[in-house]
Amino acid sequence: MNAAVFDAIKVLLDEGKVPTVALTKSRLIKPVPMPVIIAAVSQYKNNPDSIYNLMKSQVQPIGSDSKTSQLDRIEEKLDRLLTLLEK
């Protein structure tokens, strides 16, 4: 499910409202294609628990340490590739 649509549905549920396509579209922060909105609302209506499962399974933001280590790994790989190309 699109993150923006997920957030809009979550806001509606927090307000005690039943998500509809029109209400969800009105709560969106950025433009989202209508088929994506319809699919998300349909998914919610078919299985209301799915939204709560998505809330639980949201990935926590990556810390700056792991971003730095990822950058270090990428730089090391680049150095190795450049070394191979120079041979």
PDB file of N, CA and C in Angstrom:
ATOM      1  N   MET A   1       0.852  -1.178   0.000  1.00  0.00           N
ATOM      2  CA  MET A   1       0.000   0.000   0.000  1.00  0.00           C
ATOM      3  C   MET A   1       0.892   1.233   0.000  1.00  0.00           C
ATOM      4  N   ASN A   2       0.516   2.209  -0.769  1.00  0.00           N
ATOM      5  CA  ASN A   2       1.244   3.472  -0.859  1.00  0.00           C
ATOM      6  C   ASN A   2       1.289   4.132   0.515  1.00  0.00           C
ATOM      7  N   ALA A   3       2.443   4.655   0.898  1.00  0.00           N
ATOM      8  CA  ALA A   3       2.617   5.240   2.231  1.00  0.00           C
ATOM      9  C   ALA A   3       1.703   6.438   2.459  1.00  0.00           C
ATOM     10  N   ALA A   4       1.530   7.273   1.450  1.00  0.00           N
ATOM     11  CA  ALA A   4       0.672   8.453   1.605  1.00  0.00           C
ATOM     12  C   ALA A   4      -0.778   8.037   1.800  1.00  0.00           C
ATOM     13  N   VAL A   5      -1.216   7.024   1.061  1.00  0.00           N
ATOM     14  CA  VAL A   5      -2.590   6.534   1.196  1.00  0.00           C
ATOM     15  C   VAL A   5      -2.763   5.873   2.556  1.00  0.00           C
ATOM     16  N   PHE A   6      -1.769   5.103   2.968  1.00  0.00           N
ATOM     17  CA  PHE A   6      -1.794   4.461   4.281  1.00  0.00           C
ATOM     18  C   PHE A   6      -1.949   5.507   5.384  1.00  0.00           C
ATOM     19  N   ASP A   7      -1.179   6.588   5.300  1.00  0.00           N
ATOM     20  CA  ASP A   7      -1.265   7.650   6.305  1.00  0.00           C
ATOM     21  C   ASP A   7      -2.637   8.310   6.299  1.00  0.00           C
ATOM     22  N   ALA A   8      -3.199   8.525   5.113  1.00  0.00           N
ATOM     23  CA  ALA A   8      -4.518   9.149   5.018  1.00  0.00           C
ATOM     24  C   ALA A   8      -5.591   8.259   5.645  1.00  0.00           C
ATOM     25  N   ILE A   9      -5.527   6.967   5.376  1.00  0.00           N
ATOM     26  CA  ILE A   9      -6.493   6.035   5.962  1.00  0.00           C
ATOM     27  C   ILE A   9      -6.321   5.989   7.471  1.00  0.00           C
ATOM     28  N   LYS A  10      -5.080   6.004   7.927  1.00  0.00           N
ATOM     29  CA  LYS A  10      -4.812   5.984   9.366  1.00  0.00           C
ATOM     30  C   LYS A  10      -5.401   7.221  10.043  1.00  0.00           C
ATOM     31  N   VAL A  11      -5.266   8.387   9.415  1.00  0.00           N
ATOM     32  CA  VAL A  11      -5.825   9.626   9.967  1.00  0.00           C
ATOM     33  C   VAL A  11      -7.344   9.512  10.067  1.00  0.00           C
ATOM     34  N   LEU A  12      -7.965   8.988   9.023  1.00  0.00           N
ATOM     35  CA  LEU A  12      -9.419   8.823   9.041  1.00  0.00           C
ATOM     36  C   LEU A  12      -9.857   7.885  10.164  1.00  0.00           C
ATOM     37  N   LEU A  13      -9.134   6.794  10.332  1.00  0.00           N
ATOM     38  CA  LEU A  13      -9.476   5.855  11.399  1.00  0.00           C
ATOM     39  C   LEU A  13      -9.286   6.487  12.773  1.00  0.00           C
ATOM     40  N   ASP A  14      -8.237   7.282  12.925  1.00  0.00           N
ATOM     41  CA  ASP A  14      -8.001   7.973  14.193  1.00  0.00           C
ATOM     42  C   ASP A  14      -9.124   8.953  14.506  1.00  0.00           C
ATOM     43  N   GLU A  15      -9.740   9.516  13.451  1.00  0.00           N
ATOM     44  CA  GLU A  15     -10.855  10.445  13.625  1.00  0.00           C
ATOM     45  C   GLU A  15     -12.177   9.711  13.823  1.00  0.00           C
ATOM     46  N   GLY A  16     -12.155   8.381  13.736  1.00  0.00           N
ATOM     47  CA  GLY A  16     -13.366   7.595  13.909  1.00  0.00           C
ATOM     48  C   GLY A  16     -14.229   7.527  12.660  1.00  0.00           C
ATOM     49  N   LYS A  17     -13.660   7.845  11.512  1.00  0.00           N
ATOM     50  CA  LYS A  17     -14.406   7.833  10.253  1.00  0.00           C
ATOM     51  C   LYS A  17     -14.092   6.565   9.468  1.00  0.00           C
ATOM     52  N   VAL A  18     -15.051   6.156   8.653  1.00  0.00           N
ATOM     53  CA  VAL A  18     -14.856   5.002   7.781  1.00  0.00           C
ATOM     54  C   VAL A  18     -14.196   5.487   6.491  1.00  0.00           C
ATOM     55  N   PRO A  19     -13.046   4.926   6.134  1.00  0.00           N
ATOM     56  CA  PRO A  19     -12.349   5.368   4.922  1.00  0.00           C
ATOM     57  C   PRO A  19     -13.160   5.084   3.657  1.00  0.00           C
ATOM     58  N   THR A  20     -13.345   6.097   2.861  1.00  0.00           N
ATOM     59  CA  THR A  20     -13.922   5.963   1.522  1.00  0.00           C
ATOM     60  C   THR A  20     -12.911   6.557   0.552  1.00  0.00           C
ATOM     61  N   VAL A  21     -13.128   6.334  -0.721  1.00  0.00           N
ATOM     62  CA  VAL A  21     -12.197   6.865  -1.717  1.00  0.00           C
ATOM     63  C   VAL A  21     -12.147   8.390  -1.629  1.00  0.00           C
ATOM     64  N   ALA A  22     -13.318   9.019  -1.522  1.00  0.00           N
ATOM     65  CA  ALA A  22     -13.370  10.486  -1.484  1.00  0.00           C
ATOM     66  C   ALA A  22     -12.699  11.040  -0.229  1.00  0.00           C
ATOM     67  N   LEU A  23     -13.004  10.449   0.929  1.00  0.00           N
ATOM     68  CA  LEU A  23     -12.388  10.930   2.170  1.00  0.00           C
ATOM     69  C   LEU A  23     -10.877  10.716   2.154  1.00  0.00           C
ATOM     70  N   THR A  24     -10.463   9.559   1.669  1.00  0.00           N
ATOM     71  CA  THR A  24      -9.029   9.261   1.617  1.00  0.00           C
ATOM     72  C   THR A  24      -8.327  10.239   0.688  1.00  0.00           C
ATOM     73  N   LYS A  25      -8.912  10.494  -0.473  1.00  0.00           N
ATOM     74  CA  LYS A  25      -8.309  11.430  -1.428  1.00  0.00           C
ATOM     75  C   LYS A  25      -8.206  12.826  -0.826  1.00  0.00           C
ATOM     76  N   SER A  26      -9.204  13.223  -0.040  1.00  0.00           N
ATOM     77  CA  SER A  26      -9.183  14.566   0.551  1.00  0.00           C
ATOM     78  C   SER A  26      -8.114  14.709   1.628  1.00  0.00           C
ATOM     79  N   ARG A  27      -7.672  13.597   2.208  1.00  0.00           N
ATOM     80  CA  ARG A  27      -6.664  13.645   3.267  1.00  0.00           C
ATOM     81  C   ARG A  27      -5.236  13.478   2.756  1.00  0.00           C
ATOM     82  N   LEU A  28      -5.084  13.230   1.463  1.00  0.00           N
ATOM     83  CA  LEU A  28      -3.744  13.001   0.908  1.00  0.00           C
ATOM     84  C   LEU A  28      -2.932  14.284   0.888  1.00  0.00           C
ATOM     85  N   ILE A  29      -1.657  14.149   1.221  1.00  0.00           N
ATOM     86  CA  ILE A  29      -0.739  15.279   1.244  1.00  0.00           C
ATOM     87  C   ILE A  29      -0.211  15.569  -0.161  1.00  0.00           C
ATOM     88  N   LYS A  30       0.008  14.504  -0.939  1.00  0.00           N
ATOM     89  CA  LYS A  30       0.528  14.664  -2.297  1.00  0.00           C
ATOM     90  C   LYS A  30      -0.363  13.891  -3.260  1.00  0.00           C
ATOM     91  N   PRO A  31      -0.338  14.240  -4.539  1.00  0.00           N
ATOM     92  CA  PRO A  31      -1.190  13.552  -5.513  1.00  0.00           C
ATOM     93  C   PRO A  31      -0.825  12.074  -5.652  1.00  0.00           C
ATOM     94  N   VAL A  32      -1.852  11.243  -5.694  1.00  0.00           N
ATOM     95  CA  VAL A  32      -1.676   9.804  -5.862  1.00  0.00           C
ATOM     96  C   VAL A  32      -2.672   9.366  -6.935  1.00  0.00           C
ATOM     97  N   PRO A  33      -2.269   8.476  -7.842  1.00  0.00           N
ATOM     98  CA  PRO A  33      -3.198   8.018  -8.876  1.00  0.00           C
ATOM     99  C   PRO A  33      -4.451   7.376  -8.262  1.00  0.00           C
ATOM    100  N   MET A  34      -5.588   7.649  -8.872  1.00  0.00           N
ATOM    101  CA  MET A  34      -6.863   7.150  -8.365  1.00  0.00           C
ATOM    102  C   MET A  34      -6.895   5.627  -8.208  1.00  0.00           C
ATOM    103  N   PRO A  35      -6.331   4.831  -9.147  1.00  0.00           N
ATOM    104  CA  PRO A  35      -6.355   3.375  -8.955  1.00  0.00           C
ATOM    105  C   PRO A  35      -5.646   2.922  -7.674  1.00  0.00           C
ATOM    106  N   VAL A  36      -4.609   3.643  -7.271  1.00  0.00           N
ATOM    107  CA  VAL A  36      -3.890   3.296  -6.040  1.00  0.00           C
ATOM    108  C   VAL A  36      -4.788   3.548  -4.830  1.00  0.00           C
ATOM    109  N   ILE A  37      -5.508   4.668  -4.853  1.00  0.00           N
ATOM    110  CA  ILE A  37      -6.419   5.000  -3.748  1.00  0.00           C
ATOM    111  C   ILE A  37      -7.537   3.966  -3.672  1.00  0.00           C
ATOM    112  N   ILE A  38      -8.118   3.650  -4.825  1.00  0.00           N
ATOM    113  CA  ILE A  38      -9.219   2.682  -4.862  1.00  0.00           C
ATOM    114  C   ILE A  38      -8.754   1.320  -4.354  1.00  0.00           C
ATOM    115  N   ALA A  39      -7.570   0.895  -4.774  1.00  0.00           N
ATOM    116  CA  ALA A  39      -7.042  -0.400  -4.338  1.00  0.00           C
ATOM    117  C   ALA A  39      -6.818  -0.427  -2.832  1.00  0.00           C
ATOM    118  N   ALA A  40      -6.301   0.661  -2.288  1.00  0.00           N
ATOM    119  CA  ALA A  40      -6.033   0.708  -0.851  1.00  0.00           C
ATOM    120  C   ALA A  40      -7.324   0.687  -0.044  1.00  0.00           C
ATOM    121  N   VAL A  41      -8.312   1.465  -0.474  1.00  0.00           N
ATOM    122  CA  VAL A  41      -9.595   1.489   0.240  1.00  0.00           C
ATOM    123  C   VAL A  41     -10.285   0.134   0.110  1.00  0.00           C
ATOM    124  N   SER A  42     -10.210  -0.480  -1.063  1.00  0.00           N
ATOM    125  CA  SER A  42     -10.796  -1.811  -1.253  1.00  0.00           C
ATOM    126  C   SER A  42     -10.117  -2.830  -0.353  1.00  0.00           C
ATOM    127  N   GLN A  43      -8.798  -2.736  -0.260  1.00  0.00           N
ATOM    128  CA  GLN A  43      -8.059  -3.651   0.609  1.00  0.00           C
ATOM    129  C   GLN A  43      -8.508  -3.479   2.050  1.00  0.00           C
ATOM    130  N   TYR A  44      -8.680  -2.231   2.474  1.00  0.00           N
ATOM    131  CA  TYR A  44      -9.126  -1.980   3.841  1.00  0.00           C
ATOM    132  C   TYR A  44     -10.535  -2.529   4.059  1.00  0.00           C
ATOM    133  N   LYS A  45     -11.439  -2.292   3.104  1.00  0.00           N
ATOM    134  CA  LYS A  45     -12.825  -2.746   3.265  1.00  0.00           C
ATOM    135  C   LYS A  45     -12.921  -4.269   3.268  1.00  0.00           C
ATOM    136  N   ASN A  46     -12.091  -4.939   2.475  1.00  0.00           N
ATOM    137  CA  ASN A  46     -12.093  -6.399   2.440  1.00  0.00           C
ATOM    138  C   ASN A  46     -11.492  -7.002   3.694  1.00  0.00           C
ATOM    139  N   ASN A  47     -10.522  -6.312   4.269  1.00  0.00           N
ATOM    140  CA  ASN A  47      -9.843  -6.827   5.458  1.00  0.00           C
ATOM    141  C   ASN A  47      -9.411  -5.655   6.330  1.00  0.00           C
ATOM    142  N   PRO A  48     -10.310  -5.156   7.199  1.00  0.00           N
ATOM    143  CA  PRO A  48      -9.973  -3.997   8.029  1.00  0.00           C
ATOM    144  C   PRO A  48      -8.745  -4.210   8.919  1.00  0.00           C
ATOM    145  N   ASP A  49      -8.467  -5.464   9.256  1.00  0.00           N
ATOM    146  CA  ASP A  49      -7.296  -5.736  10.093  1.00  0.00           C
ATOM    147  C   ASP A  49      -5.994  -5.507   9.340  1.00  0.00           C
ATOM    148  N   SER A  50      -6.052  -5.465   8.011  1.00  0.00           N
ATOM    149  CA  SER A  50      -4.825  -5.300   7.226  1.00  0.00           C
ATOM    150  C   SER A  50      -4.131  -3.981   7.534  1.00  0.00           C
ATOM    151  N   ILE A  51      -4.893  -2.940   7.822  1.00  0.00           N
ATOM    152  CA  ILE A  51      -4.291  -1.638   8.130  1.00  0.00           C
ATOM    153  C   ILE A  51      -3.522  -1.713   9.446  1.00  0.00           C
ATOM    154  N   TYR A  52      -4.063  -2.476  10.398  1.00  0.00           N
ATOM    155  CA  TYR A  52      -3.380  -2.602  11.682  1.00  0.00           C
ATOM    156  C   TYR A  52      -2.129  -3.465  11.547  1.00  0.00           C
ATOM    157  N   ASN A  53      -2.188  -4.465  10.666  1.00  0.00           N
ATOM    158  CA  ASN A  53      -0.994  -5.273  10.402  1.00  0.00           C
ATOM    159  C   ASN A  53       0.094  -4.423   9.765  1.00  0.00           C
ATOM    160  N   LEU A  54      -0.304  -3.509   8.863  1.00  0.00           N
ATOM    161  CA  LEU A  54       0.679  -2.621   8.239  1.00  0.00           C
ATOM    162  C   LEU A  54       1.284  -1.673   9.267  1.00  0.00           C
ATOM    163  N   MET A  55       0.460  -1.221  10.221  1.00  0.00           N
ATOM    164  CA  MET A  55       0.982  -0.329  11.262  1.00  0.00           C
ATOM    165  C   MET A  55       2.055  -1.033  12.081  1.00  0.00           C
ATOM    166  N   LYS A  56       1.811  -2.311  12.381  1.00  0.00           N
ATOM    167  CA  LYS A  56       2.765  -3.069  13.190  1.00  0.00           C
ATOM    168  C   LYS A  56       4.033  -3.396  12.416  1.00  0.00           C
ATOM    169  N   SER A  57       3.890  -3.615  11.096  1.00  0.00           N
ATOM    170  CA  SER A  57       5.035  -4.065  10.310  1.00  0.00           C
ATOM    171  C   SER A  57       5.822  -2.939   9.661  1.00  0.00           C
ATOM    172  N   GLN A  58       5.459  -1.686   9.955  1.00  0.00           N
ATOM    173  CA  GLN A  58       6.221  -0.585   9.367  1.00  0.00           C
ATOM    174  C   GLN A  58       7.662  -0.658   9.842  1.00  0.00           C
ATOM    175  N   VAL A  59       8.552  -0.454   8.897  1.00  0.00           N
ATOM    176  CA  VAL A  59       9.977  -0.512   9.196  1.00  0.00           C
ATOM    177  C   VAL A  59      10.390   0.766   9.912  1.00  0.00           C
ATOM    178  N   GLN A  60      11.192   0.612  10.953  1.00  0.00           N
ATOM    179  CA  GLN A  60      11.700   1.762  11.675  1.00  0.00           C
ATOM    180  C   GLN A  60      12.732   2.475  10.815  1.00  0.00           C
ATOM    181  N   PRO A  61      12.821   3.800  10.924  1.00  0.00           N
ATOM    182  CA  PRO A  61      13.814   4.530  10.139  1.00  0.00           C
ATOM    183  C   PRO A  61      15.232   4.049  10.438  1.00  0.00           C
ATOM    184  N   ILE A  62      16.026   4.026   9.408  1.00  0.00           N
ATOM    185  CA  ILE A  62      17.414   3.591   9.554  1.00  0.00           C
ATOM    186  C   ILE A  62      18.209   4.692  10.237  1.00  0.00           C
ATOM    187  N   GLY A  63      19.015   4.304  11.210  1.00  0.00           N
ATOM    188  CA  GLY A  63      19.825   5.280  11.931  1.00  0.00           C
ATOM    189  C   GLY A  63      20.971   5.789  11.086  1.00  0.00           C
ATOM    190  N   SER A  64      21.570   6.889  11.499  1.00  0.00           N
ATOM    191  CA  SER A  64      22.659   7.482  10.729  1.00  0.00           C
ATOM    192  C   SER A  64      23.896   6.591  10.736  1.00  0.00           C
ATOM    193  N   ASP A  65      24.072   5.766  11.784  1.00  0.00           N
ATOM    194  CA  ASP A  65      25.222   4.870  11.840  1.00  0.00           C
ATOM    195  C   ASP A  65      25.177   3.855  10.705  1.00  0.00           C
ATOM    196  N   SER A  66      24.011   3.283  10.474  1.00  0.00           N
ATOM    197  CA  SER A  66      23.922   2.288   9.416  1.00  0.00           C
ATOM    198  C   SER A  66      24.047   2.943   8.042  1.00  0.00           C
ATOM    199  N   LYS A  67      23.592   4.192   7.910  1.00  0.00           N
ATOM    200  CA  LYS A  67      23.765   4.899   6.642  1.00  0.00           C
ATOM    201  C   LYS A  67      25.240   5.142   6.381  1.00  0.00           C
ATOM    202  N   THR A  68      25.963   5.504   7.423  1.00  0.00           N
ATOM    203  CA  THR A  68      27.391   5.739   7.285  1.00  0.00           C
ATOM    204  C   THR A  68      28.104   4.445   6.925  1.00  0.00           C
ATOM    205  N   SER A  69      27.754   3.366   7.591  1.00  0.00           N
ATOM    206  CA  SER A  69      28.420   2.102   7.300  1.00  0.00           C
ATOM    207  C   SER A  69      28.070   1.629   5.888  1.00  0.00           C
ATOM    208  N   GLN A  70      26.850   1.886   5.446  1.00  0.00           N
ATOM    209  CA  GLN A  70      26.484   1.520   4.089  1.00  0.00           C
ATOM    210  C   GLN A  70      27.292   2.343   3.089  1.00  0.00           C
ATOM    211  N   LEU A  71      27.457   3.608   3.377  1.00  0.00           N
ATOM    212  CA  LEU A  71      28.259   4.470   2.508  1.00  0.00           C
ATOM    213  C   LEU A  71      29.706   3.982   2.471  1.00  0.00           C
ATOM    214  N   ASP A  72      30.231   3.591   3.618  1.00  0.00           N
ATOM    215  CA  ASP A  72      31.598   3.063   3.671  1.00  0.00           C
ATOM    216  C   ASP A  72      31.731   1.809   2.811  1.00  0.00           C
ATOM    217  N   ARG A  73      30.748   0.921   2.887  1.00  0.00           N
ATOM    218  CA  ARG A  73      30.792  -0.310   2.085  1.00  0.00           C
ATOM    219  C   ARG A  73      30.750   0.011   0.594  1.00  0.00           C
ATOM    220  N   ILE A  74      29.927   0.961   0.227  1.00  0.00           N
ATOM    221  CA  ILE A  74      29.834   1.341  -1.186  1.00  0.00           C
ATOM    222  C   ILE A  74      31.149   1.937  -1.664  1.00  0.00           C
ATOM    223  N   GLU A  75      31.765   2.784  -0.844  1.00  0.00           N
ATOM    224  CA  GLU A  75      33.050   3.380  -1.220  1.00  0.00           C
ATOM    225  C   GLU A  75      34.121   2.313  -1.369  1.00  0.00           C
ATOM    226  N   GLU A  76      34.133   1.321  -0.479  1.00  0.00           N
ATOM    227  CA  GLU A  76      35.115   0.243  -0.575  1.00  0.00           C
ATOM    228  C   GLU A  76      34.928  -0.545  -1.873  1.00  0.00           C
ATOM    229  N   LYS A  77      33.682  -0.835  -2.210  1.00  0.00           N
ATOM    230  CA  LYS A  77      33.411  -1.566  -3.452  1.00  0.00           C
ATOM    231  C   LYS A  77      33.854  -0.754  -4.662  1.00  0.00           C
ATOM    232  N   LEU A  78      33.583   0.525  -4.623  1.00  0.00           N
ATOM    233  CA  LEU A  78      33.987   1.397  -5.722  1.00  0.00           C
ATOM    234  C   LEU A  78      35.504   1.422  -5.860  1.00  0.00           C
ATOM    235  N   ASP A  79      36.207   1.511  -4.739  1.00  0.00           N
ATOM    236  CA  ASP A  79      37.671   1.496  -4.772  1.00  0.00           C
ATOM    237  C   ASP A  79      38.188   0.198  -5.388  1.00  0.00           C
ATOM    238  N   ARG A  80      37.591  -0.938  -5.011  1.00  0.00           N
ATOM    239  CA  ARG A  80      38.019  -2.224  -5.563  1.00  0.00           C
ATOM    240  C   ARG A  80      37.762  -2.291  -7.069  1.00  0.00           C
ATOM    241  N   LEU A  81      36.597  -1.794  -7.482  1.00  0.00           N
ATOM    242  CA  LEU A  81      36.282  -1.807  -8.913  1.00  0.00           C
ATOM    243  C   LEU A  81      37.229  -0.913  -9.703  1.00  0.00           C
ATOM    244  N   LEU A  82      37.538   0.250  -9.162  1.00  0.00           N
ATOM    245  CA  LEU A  82      38.473   1.151  -9.840  1.00  0.00           C
ATOM    246  C   LEU A  82      39.855   0.525  -9.936  1.00  0.00           C
ATOM    247  N   THR A  83      40.267  -0.169  -8.895  1.00  0.00           N
ATOM    248  CA  THR A  83      41.559  -0.847  -8.904  1.00  0.00           C
ATOM    249  C   THR A  83      41.581  -1.914  -9.994  1.00  0.00           C
ATOM    250  N   LEU A  84      40.499  -2.671 -10.118  1.00  0.00           N
ATOM    251  CA  LEU A  84      40.422  -3.701 -11.151  1.00  0.00           C
ATOM    252  C   LEU A  84      40.443  -3.093 -12.551  1.00  0.00           C
ATOM    253  N   LEU A  85      39.796  -1.971 -12.718  1.00  0.00           N
ATOM    254  CA  LEU A  85      39.764  -1.321 -14.027  1.00  0.00           C
ATOM    255  C   LEU A  85      41.124  -0.760 -14.422  1.00  0.00           C
ATOM    256  N   GLU A  86      41.904  -0.333 -13.452  1.00  0.00           N
ATOM    257  CA  GLU A  86      43.213   0.254 -13.729  1.00  0.00           C
ATOM    258  C   GLU A  86      44.236  -0.790 -14.135  1.00  0.00           C
ATOM    259  N   LYS A  87      43.990  -2.048 -13.837  1.00  0.00           N
ATOM    260  CA  LYS A  87      44.964  -3.105 -14.159  1.00  0.00           C
ATOM    261  C   LYS A  87      45.022  -3.388 -15.626  1.00  0.00           C
TER     262      LYS A  87
END
